[in-house]
Amino acid sequence: MGTDTDILQHRDVEENLRKLPSTSRLILYLHYYEGYKLAEIANMLKLNLNTVKTKIRNARKRLKLEIGDDVYE
């Protein structure tokens, strides 16, 4: 079981994920949890590959700003 700090960080991530647009959340989920490649996600969602890349980059950037760099160290 995780420490209290781990649990709080996990809750922060979940809370900030909910703030993202639904398409960005879906892309993050498909890529990081389901293991799909960005090209596969683009095909599934009928989006341009560059759009998917931009959405995932912006979502990660926003999460990093919201949560803080200390989570990634």
C-alpha atoms as a PDB file:
ATOM      1  CA  MET A   1       0.000   0.000   0.000  1.00  0.00           C
ATOM      2  CA  GLY A   2       1.219   3.530  -0.797  1.00  0.00           C
ATOM      3  CA  THR A   3       2.187   6.176   1.667  1.00  0.00           C
ATOM      4  CA  ASP A   4      -0.099   9.091   2.523  1.00  0.00           C
ATOM      5  CA  THR A   5       1.978  11.293   0.218  1.00  0.00           C
ATOM      6  CA  ASP A   6       1.525   8.824  -2.663  1.00  0.00           C
ATOM      7  CA  ILE A   7      -2.227   8.744  -2.084  1.00  0.00           C
ATOM      8  CA  LEU A   8      -2.451  12.552  -2.029  1.00  0.00           C
ATOM      9  CA  GLN A   9      -0.394  12.836  -5.222  1.00  0.00           C
ATOM     10  CA  HIS A  10      -2.621  10.247  -6.904  1.00  0.00           C
ATOM     11  CA  ARG A  11      -5.713  12.257  -5.919  1.00  0.00           C
ATOM     12  CA  ASP A  12      -4.097  15.438  -7.272  1.00  0.00           C
ATOM     13  CA  VAL A  13      -3.453  13.716 -10.597  1.00  0.00           C
ATOM     14  CA  GLU A  14      -7.034  12.424 -10.772  1.00  0.00           C
ATOM     15  CA  GLU A  15      -8.463  15.841  -9.892  1.00  0.00           C
ATOM     16  CA  ASN A  16      -6.363  17.568 -12.539  1.00  0.00           C
ATOM     17  CA  LEU A  17      -7.182  14.927 -15.138  1.00  0.00           C
ATOM     18  CA  ARG A  18     -10.871  15.748 -14.655  1.00  0.00           C
ATOM     19  CA  LYS A  19     -10.115  19.374 -15.571  1.00  0.00           C
ATOM     20  CA  LEU A  20      -8.793  18.387 -19.006  1.00  0.00           C
ATOM     21  CA  PRO A  21     -11.024  18.349 -22.078  1.00  0.00           C
ATOM     22  CA  SER A  22     -12.599  14.917 -22.613  1.00  0.00           C
ATOM     23  CA  THR A  23     -10.661  14.209 -25.830  1.00  0.00           C
ATOM     24  CA  SER A  24      -7.354  14.939 -24.111  1.00  0.00           C
ATOM     25  CA  ARG A  25      -8.283  12.675 -21.186  1.00  0.00           C
ATOM     26  CA  LEU A  26      -9.249   9.917 -23.607  1.00  0.00           C
ATOM     27  CA  ILE A  27      -5.979  10.232 -25.534  1.00  0.00           C
ATOM     28  CA  LEU A  28      -3.944  10.084 -22.312  1.00  0.00           C
ATOM     29  CA  TYR A  29      -5.914   7.042 -21.149  1.00  0.00           C
ATOM     30  CA  LEU A  30      -5.552   5.177 -24.430  1.00  0.00           C
ATOM     31  CA  HIS A  31      -1.837   5.912 -24.656  1.00  0.00           C
ATOM     32  CA  TYR A  32      -0.661   5.463 -21.064  1.00  0.00           C
ATOM     33  CA  TYR A  33      -3.138   2.935 -19.671  1.00  0.00           C
ATOM     34  CA  GLU A  34      -4.133   0.908 -22.720  1.00  0.00           C
ATOM     35  CA  GLY A  35      -0.754   1.148 -24.461  1.00  0.00           C
ATOM     36  CA  TYR A  36      -1.918   2.357 -27.875  1.00  0.00           C
ATOM     37  CA  LYS A  37       0.497   4.202 -30.127  1.00  0.00           C
ATOM     38  CA  LEU A  38      -0.422   7.765 -31.076  1.00  0.00           C
ATOM     39  CA  ALA A  39      -1.000   6.754 -34.717  1.00  0.00           C
ATOM     40  CA  GLU A  40      -3.451   4.072 -33.557  1.00  0.00           C
ATOM     41  CA  ILE A  41      -5.281   6.596 -31.390  1.00  0.00           C
ATOM     42  CA  ALA A  42      -5.493   9.049 -34.292  1.00  0.00           C
ATOM     43  CA  ASN A  43      -7.004   6.313 -36.441  1.00  0.00           C
ATOM     44  CA  MET A  44      -9.489   5.232 -33.734  1.00  0.00           C
ATOM     45  CA  LEU A  45     -10.663   8.773 -33.038  1.00  0.00           C
ATOM     46  CA  LYS A  46     -10.522   9.810 -36.689  1.00  0.00           C
ATOM     47  CA  LEU A  47      -8.157  12.663 -35.871  1.00  0.00           C
ATOM     48  CA  ASN A  48      -5.031  13.872 -37.631  1.00  0.00           C
ATOM     49  CA  LEU A  49      -1.880  12.392 -36.045  1.00  0.00           C
ATOM     50  CA  ASN A  50      -0.477  15.884 -35.456  1.00  0.00           C
ATOM     51  CA  THR A  51      -3.682  16.833 -33.630  1.00  0.00           C
ATOM     52  CA  VAL A  52      -3.268  13.848 -31.311  1.00  0.00           C
ATOM     53  CA  LYS A  53       0.384  14.735 -30.703  1.00  0.00           C
ATOM     54  CA  THR A  54      -0.555  18.333 -29.898  1.00  0.00           C
ATOM     55  CA  LYS A  55      -3.372  17.310 -27.566  1.00  0.00           C
ATOM     56  CA  ILE A  56      -1.205  14.857 -25.619  1.00  0.00           C
ATOM     57  CA  ARG A  57       1.662  17.349 -25.384  1.00  0.00           C
ATOM     58  CA  ASN A  58      -0.651  20.120 -24.149  1.00  0.00           C
ATOM     59  CA  ALA A  59      -2.367  17.791 -21.670  1.00  0.00           C
ATOM     60  CA  ARG A  60       0.947  16.625 -20.212  1.00  0.00           C
ATOM     61  CA  LYS A  61       2.186  20.215 -20.010  1.00  0.00           C
ATOM     62  CA  ARG A  62      -0.985  21.348 -18.238  1.00  0.00           C
ATOM     63  CA  LEU A  63      -0.826  18.443 -15.773  1.00  0.00           C
ATOM     64  CA  LYS A  64       2.808  19.152 -15.043  1.00  0.00           C
ATOM     65  CA  LEU A  65       2.046  22.820 -14.330  1.00  0.00           C
ATOM     66  CA  GLU A  66      -0.969  21.994 -12.156  1.00  0.00           C
ATOM     67  CA  ILE A  67       0.647  19.195 -10.151  1.00  0.00           C
ATOM     68  CA  GLY A  68       4.183  20.547 -10.012  1.00  0.00           C
ATOM     69  CA  ASP A  69       7.583  19.197 -10.957  1.00  0.00           C
ATOM     70  CA  ASP A  70       8.123  17.394  -7.631  1.00  0.00           C
ATOM     71  CA  VAL A  71       5.829  14.535  -8.729  1.00  0.00           C
ATOM     72  CA  TYR A  72       8.138  13.732 -11.646  1.00  0.00           C
ATOM     73  CA  GLU A  73      11.398  13.640  -9.685  1.00  0.00           C
END
